[in-house]
N, C-alpha and C. Protein backbone atom coordinates (compact mmCIF):
# COMPACT_ATOMS: atom_id res chain seq x y z
N TRP A 1 -69.91 88.26 23.09
CA TRP A 1 -69.45 89.17 24.19
C TRP A 1 -69.70 90.65 23.72
N THR A 2 -70.38 91.34 24.63
CA THR A 2 -70.57 92.82 24.39
C THR A 2 -69.92 93.59 25.51
N SER A 3 -69.12 94.57 25.13
CA SER A 3 -68.38 95.30 26.13
C SER A 3 -69.42 96.08 27.01
N PRO A 4 -69.14 96.28 28.27
CA PRO A 4 -70.12 96.95 29.18
C PRO A 4 -70.14 98.45 28.90
N LEU A 5 -71.30 99.09 29.29
CA LEU A 5 -71.39 100.55 29.27
C LEU A 5 -70.79 101.00 30.59
N VAL A 6 -69.69 101.66 30.58
CA VAL A 6 -68.97 102.12 31.77
C VAL A 6 -69.43 103.55 32.13
N VAL A 7 -69.84 103.72 33.39
CA VAL A 7 -70.28 105.06 33.88
C VAL A 7 -69.51 105.48 35.09
N GLN A 8 -69.48 106.75 35.37
CA GLN A 8 -69.00 107.28 36.60
C GLN A 8 -70.06 107.62 37.60
N GLU A 9 -69.84 107.24 38.81
CA GLU A 9 -70.84 107.47 39.87
C GLU A 9 -71.16 109.02 39.95
N GLY A 10 -72.39 109.37 40.07
CA GLY A 10 -72.81 110.73 40.29
C GLY A 10 -73.11 111.44 38.99
N LYS A 11 -72.71 110.92 37.86
CA LYS A 11 -72.99 111.58 36.61
C LYS A 11 -74.33 111.14 35.99
N VAL A 12 -74.85 111.98 35.14
CA VAL A 12 -76.15 111.70 34.46
C VAL A 12 -75.83 111.45 32.99
N TYR A 13 -76.38 110.42 32.46
CA TYR A 13 -76.04 109.97 31.10
C TYR A 13 -77.34 109.97 30.24
N ARG A 14 -77.14 110.31 28.94
CA ARG A 14 -78.20 110.15 27.96
C ARG A 14 -77.95 108.85 27.31
N ILE A 15 -79.05 108.05 27.14
CA ILE A 15 -78.98 106.77 26.36
C ILE A 15 -79.91 106.96 25.28
N ARG A 16 -79.42 106.88 24.07
CA ARG A 16 -80.28 106.99 22.86
C ARG A 16 -80.51 105.51 22.35
N MET A 17 -81.76 105.13 22.39
CA MET A 17 -82.04 103.73 21.99
C MET A 17 -82.72 103.86 20.58
N ILE A 18 -82.24 103.07 19.63
CA ILE A 18 -82.71 102.98 18.28
C ILE A 18 -83.04 101.59 17.88
N ASN A 19 -84.28 101.26 17.48
CA ASN A 19 -84.53 99.97 17.02
C ASN A 19 -84.42 99.92 15.53
N ALA A 20 -83.33 99.41 15.00
CA ALA A 20 -83.09 99.34 13.55
C ALA A 20 -83.59 98.00 12.94
N GLY A 21 -84.28 97.20 13.83
CA GLY A 21 -84.70 95.86 13.39
C GLY A 21 -86.18 95.90 13.02
N ASN A 22 -86.77 94.70 12.89
CA ASN A 22 -88.12 94.58 12.52
C ASN A 22 -88.93 93.76 13.55
N THR A 23 -88.52 93.83 14.80
CA THR A 23 -89.18 93.16 15.88
C THR A 23 -89.23 94.14 17.09
N ILE A 24 -90.02 93.85 18.06
CA ILE A 24 -90.18 94.63 19.26
C ILE A 24 -89.21 94.24 20.32
N PHE A 25 -88.58 95.19 21.00
CA PHE A 25 -87.65 94.92 22.07
C PHE A 25 -88.18 95.54 23.33
N ALA A 26 -88.02 94.96 24.53
CA ALA A 26 -88.40 95.52 25.81
C ALA A 26 -87.09 95.53 26.59
N MET A 27 -86.46 96.65 26.39
CA MET A 27 -85.08 96.83 27.06
C MET A 27 -85.23 97.26 28.55
N HIS A 28 -84.53 96.48 29.41
CA HIS A 28 -84.68 96.63 30.89
C HIS A 28 -83.31 96.86 31.46
N LEU A 29 -83.22 97.93 32.29
CA LEU A 29 -81.97 98.22 33.10
C LEU A 29 -82.16 97.92 34.50
N HIS A 30 -81.35 96.97 35.05
CA HIS A 30 -81.47 96.63 36.46
C HIS A 30 -80.87 97.74 37.31
N GLY A 31 -81.35 97.97 38.50
CA GLY A 31 -80.74 98.82 39.48
C GLY A 31 -80.95 100.33 39.24
N HIS A 32 -81.63 100.74 38.18
CA HIS A 32 -81.74 102.18 37.84
C HIS A 32 -83.08 102.40 37.20
N HIS A 33 -83.52 103.64 37.25
CA HIS A 33 -84.64 104.08 36.50
C HIS A 33 -84.18 105.04 35.40
N MET A 34 -84.95 105.14 34.31
CA MET A 34 -84.52 106.03 33.22
C MET A 34 -85.69 107.04 32.93
N LEU A 35 -85.32 108.20 32.71
CA LEU A 35 -86.30 109.23 32.36
C LEU A 35 -86.42 109.35 30.84
N VAL A 36 -87.54 109.11 30.26
CA VAL A 36 -87.88 109.15 28.83
C VAL A 36 -88.23 110.51 28.52
N THR A 37 -87.39 111.28 27.64
CA THR A 37 -87.59 112.68 27.35
C THR A 37 -87.98 112.88 25.91
N HIS A 38 -87.56 111.98 24.95
CA HIS A 38 -87.79 112.13 23.56
C HIS A 38 -88.32 110.85 22.94
N LYS A 39 -89.22 110.95 21.97
CA LYS A 39 -89.58 109.86 21.15
C LYS A 39 -89.46 110.30 19.71
N ASP A 40 -88.67 109.49 18.92
CA ASP A 40 -88.49 109.74 17.51
C ASP A 40 -87.98 111.16 17.26
N GLY A 41 -87.12 111.63 18.17
CA GLY A 41 -86.49 112.99 18.03
C GLY A 41 -87.29 114.09 18.54
N VAL A 42 -88.50 113.89 19.08
CA VAL A 42 -89.41 114.96 19.50
C VAL A 42 -89.45 114.90 21.01
N ILE A 43 -89.23 116.14 21.62
CA ILE A 43 -89.27 116.19 23.09
C ILE A 43 -90.70 115.97 23.56
N LEU A 44 -90.82 115.13 24.62
CA LEU A 44 -92.09 114.84 25.20
C LEU A 44 -92.61 115.97 26.11
N THR A 45 -93.83 116.37 25.99
CA THR A 45 -94.41 117.33 26.92
C THR A 45 -94.47 116.89 28.35
N SER A 46 -94.60 115.58 28.54
CA SER A 46 -94.57 114.95 29.85
C SER A 46 -93.60 113.84 29.94
N PRO A 47 -92.35 114.03 30.22
CA PRO A 47 -91.36 113.08 30.33
C PRO A 47 -91.87 111.99 31.50
N TYR A 48 -91.45 110.78 31.38
CA TYR A 48 -91.85 109.73 32.39
C TYR A 48 -90.74 108.79 32.65
N TRP A 49 -90.86 108.13 33.85
CA TRP A 49 -89.81 107.31 34.33
C TRP A 49 -90.17 105.83 34.02
N VAL A 50 -89.11 105.02 33.64
CA VAL A 50 -89.29 103.57 33.35
C VAL A 50 -88.08 102.82 33.89
N ASP A 51 -88.21 101.58 34.01
CA ASP A 51 -87.01 100.64 34.15
C ASP A 51 -86.96 99.71 32.94
N THR A 52 -88.09 99.72 32.12
CA THR A 52 -88.06 98.96 30.89
C THR A 52 -88.78 99.83 29.79
N ILE A 53 -88.12 99.85 28.64
CA ILE A 53 -88.66 100.68 27.52
C ILE A 53 -89.05 99.74 26.39
N LEU A 54 -90.23 99.84 25.87
CA LEU A 54 -90.66 99.04 24.77
C LEU A 54 -90.36 99.83 23.44
N LEU A 55 -89.56 99.15 22.56
CA LEU A 55 -89.17 99.82 21.30
C LEU A 55 -89.75 98.97 20.18
N GLY A 56 -90.58 99.62 19.33
CA GLY A 56 -91.11 98.93 18.11
C GLY A 56 -90.06 99.23 17.05
N PRO A 57 -90.34 98.51 15.88
CA PRO A 57 -89.45 98.78 14.67
C PRO A 57 -89.34 100.21 14.34
N SER A 58 -88.15 100.73 14.12
CA SER A 58 -87.85 102.11 13.71
C SER A 58 -88.06 103.15 14.75
N GLU A 59 -88.47 102.75 15.97
CA GLU A 59 -88.58 103.78 17.06
C GLU A 59 -87.29 104.20 17.64
N ARG A 60 -87.30 105.48 18.14
CA ARG A 60 -86.10 106.00 18.80
C ARG A 60 -86.45 106.70 20.05
N TYR A 61 -85.83 106.47 21.16
CA TYR A 61 -86.07 107.09 22.41
C TYR A 61 -84.76 107.72 23.02
N ASP A 62 -84.89 108.83 23.64
CA ASP A 62 -83.80 109.36 24.47
C ASP A 62 -84.19 109.17 25.94
N LEU A 63 -83.23 108.61 26.64
CA LEU A 63 -83.47 108.27 28.07
C LEU A 63 -82.34 108.94 28.80
N TYR A 64 -82.60 109.35 30.09
CA TYR A 64 -81.58 109.85 30.93
C TYR A 64 -81.57 109.04 32.25
N MET A 65 -80.32 108.74 32.65
CA MET A 65 -80.10 107.89 33.75
C MET A 65 -79.07 108.48 34.60
N LYS A 66 -79.31 108.57 35.96
CA LYS A 66 -78.32 108.98 36.94
C LYS A 66 -77.60 107.87 37.46
N ALA A 67 -76.24 107.93 37.40
CA ALA A 67 -75.40 106.81 37.93
C ALA A 67 -75.31 106.92 39.45
N ASP A 68 -76.28 106.35 40.12
CA ASP A 68 -76.28 106.57 41.57
C ASP A 68 -76.47 105.24 42.31
N ASN A 69 -76.12 104.15 41.73
CA ASN A 69 -76.22 102.83 42.34
C ASN A 69 -75.07 101.92 41.88
N PRO A 70 -73.82 102.17 42.48
CA PRO A 70 -72.65 101.50 42.03
C PRO A 70 -72.79 99.99 41.98
N GLY A 71 -72.21 99.38 40.97
CA GLY A 71 -72.15 97.92 40.88
C GLY A 71 -72.13 97.59 39.39
N MET A 72 -72.42 96.27 39.13
CA MET A 72 -72.60 95.82 37.73
C MET A 72 -74.03 95.38 37.56
N TRP A 73 -74.65 95.92 36.49
CA TRP A 73 -76.06 95.74 36.35
C TRP A 73 -76.41 95.25 34.86
N ASP A 74 -77.30 94.30 34.82
CA ASP A 74 -77.77 93.78 33.45
C ASP A 74 -78.61 94.89 32.79
N PHE A 75 -78.34 94.95 31.44
CA PHE A 75 -79.18 95.80 30.58
C PHE A 75 -79.54 94.91 29.39
N HIS A 76 -80.78 94.43 29.37
CA HIS A 76 -81.13 93.42 28.41
C HIS A 76 -82.55 93.48 27.96
N ASP A 77 -82.85 92.76 26.93
CA ASP A 77 -84.16 92.65 26.47
C ASP A 77 -84.95 91.54 27.31
N HIS A 78 -86.21 91.91 27.62
CA HIS A 78 -87.04 90.98 28.32
C HIS A 78 -87.60 89.85 27.54
N THR A 79 -87.45 89.93 26.19
CA THR A 79 -87.94 88.80 25.34
C THR A 79 -86.82 87.80 25.29
N GLY A 80 -87.12 86.58 25.92
CA GLY A 80 -86.11 85.62 26.16
C GLY A 80 -85.41 85.16 24.87
N GLY A 81 -86.06 85.01 23.75
CA GLY A 81 -85.41 84.64 22.51
C GLY A 81 -84.44 85.65 21.96
N HIS A 82 -84.59 86.87 22.41
CA HIS A 82 -83.66 87.94 21.99
C HIS A 82 -82.31 87.95 22.74
N THR A 83 -82.23 87.14 23.73
CA THR A 83 -80.95 87.14 24.57
C THR A 83 -80.26 85.75 24.26
N GLN A 84 -80.50 85.17 23.13
CA GLN A 84 -79.81 84.00 22.74
C GLN A 84 -79.19 84.07 21.38
N ASN A 85 -78.24 83.25 21.15
CA ASN A 85 -77.56 83.17 19.77
C ASN A 85 -77.82 81.73 19.29
N ASP A 86 -78.62 81.54 18.30
CA ASP A 86 -78.89 80.20 17.77
C ASP A 86 -79.43 79.26 18.90
N ASN A 87 -80.32 79.91 19.69
CA ASN A 87 -81.00 79.17 20.81
C ASN A 87 -80.05 78.76 21.94
N ILE A 88 -78.93 79.44 21.98
CA ILE A 88 -77.90 79.18 23.06
C ILE A 88 -77.72 80.47 23.82
N PHE A 89 -77.86 80.46 25.18
CA PHE A 89 -77.67 81.63 26.00
C PHE A 89 -76.18 81.67 26.34
N PRO A 90 -75.56 82.80 26.41
CA PRO A 90 -75.99 84.16 26.29
C PRO A 90 -75.81 84.72 24.82
N GLY A 91 -76.29 85.85 24.64
CA GLY A 91 -76.05 86.47 23.34
C GLY A 91 -77.16 87.54 23.08
N GLY A 92 -77.18 88.07 21.90
CA GLY A 92 -78.33 88.95 21.51
C GLY A 92 -78.29 90.29 22.23
N ALA A 93 -79.54 90.81 22.50
CA ALA A 93 -79.71 92.14 23.03
C ALA A 93 -79.51 92.21 24.53
N MET A 94 -78.24 92.18 24.91
CA MET A 94 -77.90 92.28 26.26
C MET A 94 -76.45 92.83 26.42
N THR A 95 -76.29 93.55 27.54
CA THR A 95 -74.97 94.05 27.96
C THR A 95 -74.98 94.26 29.47
N MET A 96 -73.94 94.93 29.96
CA MET A 96 -73.91 95.29 31.36
C MET A 96 -73.62 96.80 31.49
N LEU A 97 -74.26 97.41 32.55
CA LEU A 97 -73.87 98.75 32.96
C LEU A 97 -72.97 98.61 34.07
N CYS A 98 -71.80 99.14 34.06
CA CYS A 98 -70.78 98.91 35.00
C CYS A 98 -70.13 100.22 35.49
N TYR A 99 -69.91 100.39 36.72
CA TYR A 99 -69.37 101.59 37.34
C TYR A 99 -67.84 101.58 37.24
N GLN A 100 -67.28 102.67 36.74
CA GLN A 100 -65.81 102.87 36.56
C GLN A 100 -65.17 102.62 37.88
N GLY A 101 -63.98 101.85 37.84
CA GLY A 101 -63.25 101.53 39.00
C GLY A 101 -63.44 100.13 39.55
N LEU A 102 -64.56 99.56 39.08
CA LEU A 102 -64.68 98.10 39.47
C LEU A 102 -63.75 97.25 38.62
N PRO A 103 -63.02 96.30 39.20
CA PRO A 103 -62.00 95.53 38.45
C PRO A 103 -62.56 94.82 37.25
N LYS A 104 -63.73 94.30 37.34
CA LYS A 104 -64.30 93.56 36.12
C LYS A 104 -64.66 94.53 34.98
N CYS A 105 -64.92 95.78 35.37
CA CYS A 105 -65.30 96.77 34.35
C CYS A 105 -64.07 97.28 33.60
N GLU A 106 -62.93 97.20 34.16
CA GLU A 106 -61.69 97.77 33.55
C GLU A 106 -61.03 96.79 32.67
N ALA A 107 -61.42 95.50 32.74
CA ALA A 107 -60.71 94.46 31.99
C ALA A 107 -61.26 94.38 30.52
N GLY A 108 -60.38 94.18 29.60
CA GLY A 108 -60.78 93.87 28.18
C GLY A 108 -61.04 95.18 27.40
N HIS A 109 -61.36 95.01 26.16
CA HIS A 109 -61.66 96.08 25.20
C HIS A 109 -62.96 96.64 25.53
N ASP A 110 -63.08 97.95 25.59
CA ASP A 110 -64.31 98.65 26.01
C ASP A 110 -64.67 99.63 24.94
N HIS A 111 -65.26 99.21 23.80
CA HIS A 111 -65.58 100.13 22.73
C HIS A 111 -66.86 100.88 23.05
N MET A 112 -67.56 100.60 24.10
CA MET A 112 -68.81 101.41 24.40
C MET A 112 -68.56 102.26 25.61
N HIS A 113 -67.34 102.53 25.98
CA HIS A 113 -67.00 103.41 27.11
C HIS A 113 -67.63 104.80 26.92
N MET A 114 -68.30 105.34 27.94
CA MET A 114 -68.87 106.63 27.80
C MET A 114 -67.84 107.64 28.30
N SER A 115 -67.19 108.37 27.40
CA SER A 115 -66.26 109.32 27.81
C SER A 115 -66.92 110.57 28.37
N SER A 116 -66.04 111.53 28.83
CA SER A 116 -66.64 112.75 29.41
C SER A 116 -67.35 113.59 28.43
N HIS A 117 -67.32 113.24 27.14
CA HIS A 117 -67.89 114.06 26.11
C HIS A 117 -69.06 113.29 25.40
N SER A 118 -69.21 112.04 25.70
CA SER A 118 -70.23 111.26 24.87
C SER A 118 -71.67 111.30 25.41
N GLY A 119 -71.84 111.13 26.73
CA GLY A 119 -73.22 111.02 27.22
C GLY A 119 -73.52 111.98 28.34
N ASP A 120 -72.53 112.74 28.85
CA ASP A 120 -72.76 113.60 29.90
C ASP A 120 -73.82 114.67 29.61
N LEU A 121 -74.53 115.07 30.64
CA LEU A 121 -75.45 116.16 30.46
C LEU A 121 -74.77 117.49 30.89
N ILE A 122 -74.53 118.33 29.93
CA ILE A 122 -73.97 119.58 30.21
C ILE A 122 -75.01 120.67 30.07
N GLY A 123 -75.36 121.31 31.15
CA GLY A 123 -76.42 122.33 31.12
C GLY A 123 -77.77 121.78 31.11
N TRP A 124 -77.94 120.53 31.55
CA TRP A 124 -79.30 119.94 31.60
C TRP A 124 -80.16 120.72 32.62
N ASP A 125 -81.43 120.88 32.32
CA ASP A 125 -82.37 121.64 33.19
C ASP A 125 -82.66 120.80 34.48
N PRO A 126 -82.20 121.21 35.56
CA PRO A 126 -82.38 120.48 36.89
C PRO A 126 -83.87 120.34 37.25
N ARG A 127 -84.76 121.14 36.64
CA ARG A 127 -86.17 121.01 37.02
C ARG A 127 -86.75 119.69 36.38
N VAL A 128 -86.10 119.13 35.45
CA VAL A 128 -86.55 117.88 34.79
C VAL A 128 -85.95 116.68 35.52
N LEU A 129 -84.57 116.76 35.73
CA LEU A 129 -83.96 115.66 36.42
C LEU A 129 -82.84 116.22 37.30
N PRO A 130 -83.19 116.31 38.60
CA PRO A 130 -82.14 116.93 39.56
C PRO A 130 -80.89 116.13 39.72
C-alpha cells in the first residue's frame, strides 16, 4: 500500500521524479498532463507537455501539474512487471493522485501529503504555465 498524493483543486504542484534504480520506468498520470521543465537539474529551453514520462536509470525530471480535474487518479508505471510484487498485482511503482476532501483520500496514514509548503508554486512565471 502506498499513500496517495493529496492535492488541492486549483493549485499547481511540482513533481520531482528521480529514478534511483537500474531499469527504465514509464510513469503515467491519469486525468492530467504534466509540463516537463527540467532534466537532471537543468532547465529546458523548450518545456513540453506529457501524460507519461520515460525515466532511465539515474535520470531526474521536474514536472508541473495543475490540479484541475477533481477525483482519484492512477499514477503508475506502464511497464506491467513494475506494478507487481513477486508477480502478484498490485504493488511496485504505483500510487494515486487524490483531491483533498474526498472521503477515500482522508482515510489512513498519508506520509506523501503535499502541504502548502512542499510542492506549491510560489511566484511561478505564468507565461510558462498559466
